[in-house]
Protein backbone atom coordinates (compact mmCIF):
# COMPACT_ATOMS: atom_id res chain seq x y z
CA UNK A 1 -17.08 34.36 -27.31
CA UNK A 2 -13.71 35.19 -26.35
CA UNK A 3 -13.74 38.49 -27.42
CA UNK A 4 -16.58 39.47 -25.20
CA UNK A 5 -15.09 37.49 -22.27
CA UNK A 6 -11.62 39.65 -22.30
CA UNK A 7 -13.83 42.49 -21.97
CA UNK A 8 -15.66 41.71 -19.40
CA UNK A 9 -12.46 41.56 -17.23
CA UNK A 10 -11.56 45.29 -18.62
CA UNK A 11 -15.54 46.54 -17.54
CA UNK A 12 -15.05 48.50 -13.96
CA UNK A 13 -17.24 46.11 -11.04
CA UNK A 14 -17.49 43.00 -13.21
CA UNK A 15 -15.55 40.18 -11.45
CA UNK A 16 -13.55 36.89 -12.39
CA UNK A 17 -16.74 35.24 -11.19
CA UNK A 18 -19.34 37.14 -13.50
CA UNK A 19 -20.29 35.94 -16.94
CA UNK A 20 -22.93 35.78 -19.11
CA UNK A 21 -26.42 35.04 -17.61
CA UNK A 22 -27.43 31.47 -18.84
CA UNK A 23 -30.94 31.60 -16.91
CA UNK A 24 -29.41 28.69 -14.82
CA UNK A 25 -30.49 27.79 -11.30
CA UNK A 26 -27.96 29.35 -8.96
CA UNK A 27 -27.08 32.53 -11.04
CA UNK A 28 -27.65 35.97 -9.58
CA UNK A 29 -28.13 39.19 -12.29
CA UNK A 30 -25.55 41.81 -11.34
CA UNK A 31 -25.63 44.28 -14.67
CA UNK A 32 -25.16 44.34 -17.86
CA UNK A 33 -22.13 44.42 -20.33
CA UNK A 34 -21.60 48.01 -22.12
CA UNK A 35 -22.60 48.63 -25.15
CA UNK A 36 -20.82 49.66 -28.05
CA UNK A 37 -18.67 49.21 -31.44
CA UNK A 38 -21.19 46.83 -33.00
CA UNK A 39 -22.04 45.18 -29.99
CA UNK A 40 -25.63 44.85 -27.86
CA UNK A 41 -25.30 44.83 -23.94
CA UNK A 42 -25.51 41.42 -22.16
CA UNK A 43 -26.84 40.66 -19.15
CA UNK A 44 -24.23 39.84 -16.44
CA UNK A 45 -24.43 36.86 -13.83
CA UNK A 46 -22.81 35.97 -10.37
CA UNK A 47 -23.32 32.43 -9.53
CA UNK A 48 -25.19 32.47 -5.69
CA UNK A 49 -22.69 32.66 -2.86
CA UNK A 50 -20.15 34.47 -5.29
CA UNK A 51 -17.70 31.34 -5.51
CA UNK A 52 -15.67 30.79 -9.48
CA UNK A 53 -17.73 27.54 -9.96
CA UNK A 54 -21.09 26.82 -10.22
CA UNK A 55 -22.91 25.18 -7.42
CA UNK A 56 -22.48 21.39 -7.23
CA UNK A 57 -26.02 19.35 -9.53
CA UNK A 58 -24.96 17.38 -5.63
CA UNK A 59 -24.62 20.02 -3.35
CA UNK A 60 -26.74 19.39 -0.92
CA UNK A 61 -27.16 15.19 -1.54
CA UNK A 62 -24.89 12.49 -0.30
CA UNK A 63 -23.06 10.97 -2.82
CA UNK A 64 -25.25 8.20 -5.15
CA UNK A 65 -22.53 5.95 -5.54
CA UNK A 66 -20.12 4.73 -2.57
CA UNK A 67 -17.11 2.40 -3.83
CA UNK A 68 -16.11 0.32 -1.01
CA UNK A 69 -12.20 -0.18 -1.51
CA UNK A 70 -11.26 -3.26 0.70
CA UNK A 71 -6.98 -3.31 1.63
CA UNK A 72 -5.95 -6.55 1.76
CA UNK A 73 -2.86 -8.08 3.41
CA UNK A 74 -1.80 -11.23 1.79
CA UNK A 75 0.43 -13.40 4.59
CA UNK A 76 3.59 -14.52 3.34
CA UNK A 77 5.60 -17.50 5.04
CA UNK A 78 8.77 -18.85 5.98
CA UNK A 79 10.64 -22.31 6.47
CA UNK A 80 14.26 -23.79 8.19
CA UNK A 81 14.32 -27.62 7.37
CA UNK A 82 18.17 -29.25 8.84
CA UNK A 83 19.56 -32.53 8.99
CA UNK A 84 20.78 -32.02 12.59
CA UNK A 85 22.94 -35.33 12.16
CA UNK A 86 24.64 -34.66 8.86
CA UNK A 87 23.89 -30.78 8.41
CA UNK A 88 22.42 -29.99 5.50
CA UNK A 89 19.58 -27.38 5.37
CA UNK A 90 16.83 -25.60 3.53
CA UNK A 91 15.96 -22.44 4.16
CA UNK A 92 13.07 -20.50 1.75
CA UNK A 93 10.91 -17.61 2.24
CA UNK A 94 8.15 -15.86 0.51
CA UNK A 95 5.21 -19.00 0.11
CA UNK A 96 1.47 -18.42 0.07
CA UNK A 97 0.89 -20.95 3.11
CA UNK A 98 2.83 -22.47 5.82
CA UNK A 99 2.75 -25.44 4.20
CA UNK A 100 3.84 -24.92 0.58
CA UNK A 101 7.07 -23.29 2.67
CA UNK A 102 7.79 -26.45 4.92
CA UNK A 103 7.43 -28.31 1.66
CA UNK A 104 10.16 -26.35 0.03
CA UNK A 105 12.58 -26.08 2.82
CA UNK A 106 12.58 -29.92 3.04
CA UNK A 107 13.05 -30.42 -0.60
CA UNK A 108 15.53 -27.89 -0.59
CA UNK A 109 17.50 -29.47 2.59
CA UNK A 110 16.93 -33.40 0.76
CA UNK A 111 18.57 -32.28 -2.38
CA UNK A 112 21.11 -30.71 -0.56
CA UNK A 113 22.44 -34.37 0.44
CA UNK A 114 19.92 -33.95 3.82
CA UNK A 115 18.33 -37.78 4.93
CA UNK A 116 16.73 -37.08 8.07
CA UNK A 117 15.55 -33.42 7.49
CA UNK A 118 13.40 -31.74 9.87
CA UNK A 119 11.29 -28.30 10.18
CA UNK A 120 12.66 -26.74 12.43
CA UNK A 121 11.86 -22.98 12.32
CA UNK A 122 8.64 -21.57 10.47
CA UNK A 123 8.04 -17.26 10.31
CA UNK A 124 4.87 -15.76 9.33
CA UNK A 125 6.22 -12.01 7.88
CA UNK A 126 9.14 -11.45 9.72
CA UNK A 127 12.71 -12.00 8.77
CA UNK A 128 14.80 -15.34 10.07
CA UNK A 129 18.72 -15.76 10.50
CA UNK A 130 20.09 -19.02 10.45
CA UNK A 131 23.73 -19.32 12.43
CA UNK A 132 26.26 -21.45 13.23
CA UNK A 133 29.35 -22.16 15.17
CA UNK A 134 31.20 -25.06 17.02
CA UNK A 135 28.46 -27.61 16.23
CA UNK A 136 25.30 -25.60 17.47
CA UNK A 137 23.21 -23.81 14.97
CA UNK A 138 19.94 -20.95 16.01
CA UNK A 139 17.44 -19.84 14.16
CA UNK A 140 15.73 -16.74 15.22
CA UNK A 141 13.11 -14.10 13.55
CA UNK A 142 13.00 -10.53 14.05
CA UNK A 143 11.44 -7.96 12.35
CA UNK A 144 14.15 -6.76 10.22
CA UNK A 145 17.60 -8.54 9.15
CA UNK A 146 19.28 -7.24 12.34
CA UNK A 147 17.37 -7.78 14.40
CA UNK A 148 17.17 -11.57 13.69
CA UNK A 149 20.58 -11.61 12.64
CA UNK A 150 21.49 -10.17 16.28
CA UNK A 151 19.23 -12.97 17.84
CA UNK A 152 20.35 -15.80 16.11
CA UNK A 153 23.89 -14.98 16.94
CA UNK A 154 23.25 -14.57 20.53
CA UNK A 155 21.16 -18.21 20.86
CA UNK A 156 23.73 -20.20 18.70
CA UNK A 157 26.63 -18.59 21.65
CA UNK A 158 24.15 -19.68 24.28
CA UNK A 159 23.85 -22.81 22.92
CA UNK A 160 27.29 -23.44 23.61
CA UNK A 161 28.25 -22.37 19.96
CA UNK A 162 31.56 -21.01 19.47
CA UNK A 163 32.50 -18.38 16.86
CA UNK A 164 29.13 -18.03 16.03
CA UNK A 165 28.45 -17.09 12.46
CA UNK A 166 25.23 -15.49 10.43
CA UNK A 167 24.69 -18.10 7.39
CA UNK A 168 22.05 -17.13 5.75
CA UNK A 169 19.52 -14.45 6.35
CA UNK A 170 15.55 -14.48 4.65
CA UNK A 171 12.48 -12.10 4.80
CA UNK A 172 8.86 -12.90 3.90
CA UNK A 173 7.31 -9.83 3.83
CA UNK A 174 3.43 -9.58 3.29
CA UNK A 175 1.68 -8.16 0.22
CA UNK A 176 -0.27 -4.73 0.35
CA UNK A 177 -2.90 -4.22 -1.60
CA UNK A 178 -6.62 -2.59 -2.42
CA UNK A 179 -8.95 -4.72 -4.06
CA UNK A 180 -12.66 -3.30 -5.00
CA UNK A 181 -14.90 -6.25 -3.99
CA UNK A 182 -14.37 -7.99 -0.21
CA UNK A 183 -12.31 -10.89 -0.28
CA UNK A 184 -14.07 -13.91 0.50
CA UNK A 185 -11.61 -14.78 3.17
CA UNK A 186 -11.40 -11.35 4.45
CA UNK A 187 -10.46 -11.01 8.26
CA UNK A 188 -11.36 -7.36 10.33
CA UNK A 189 -8.00 -6.10 11.57
CA UNK A 190 -8.13 -5.83 15.38
């Protein structure tokens, strides 16, 4: 077979798309291979439309199977809690619900000797920064750490803080994934 294939490439007037006829639908007869040296002449065909590939079985049909892919965004949450009288705080990020983030921030604040910890900042799919200076503080969010840091330092200074500094920054970035089945809680994007 290989020998015949290579000899076909050397035959004048036979193109690469030509092949030995197999009586398949879509084949068009174009001639015969040369006979000689113990080989018989064989019919040569080309696919209709002269493309290099045989026509697709489903060329005139729509696909039989449609696979739905769902692009899902899983939100992530951050929370900031502080004992404003004593100073301890809790700042957490990356939680699957706001309630879980709030609970973790309160626990962190209390574990740092906070007694009257309150949640004062909640963020969804954003970065956030805690800035402190001269007894004043601010917690601000932004699309990036840089944005949230600038906003928190400005807010701290605006509230009367002196030499406000970034104490901590966190980011809760959403998780993007593709699934084959529609999630039960799927909501169409706006």
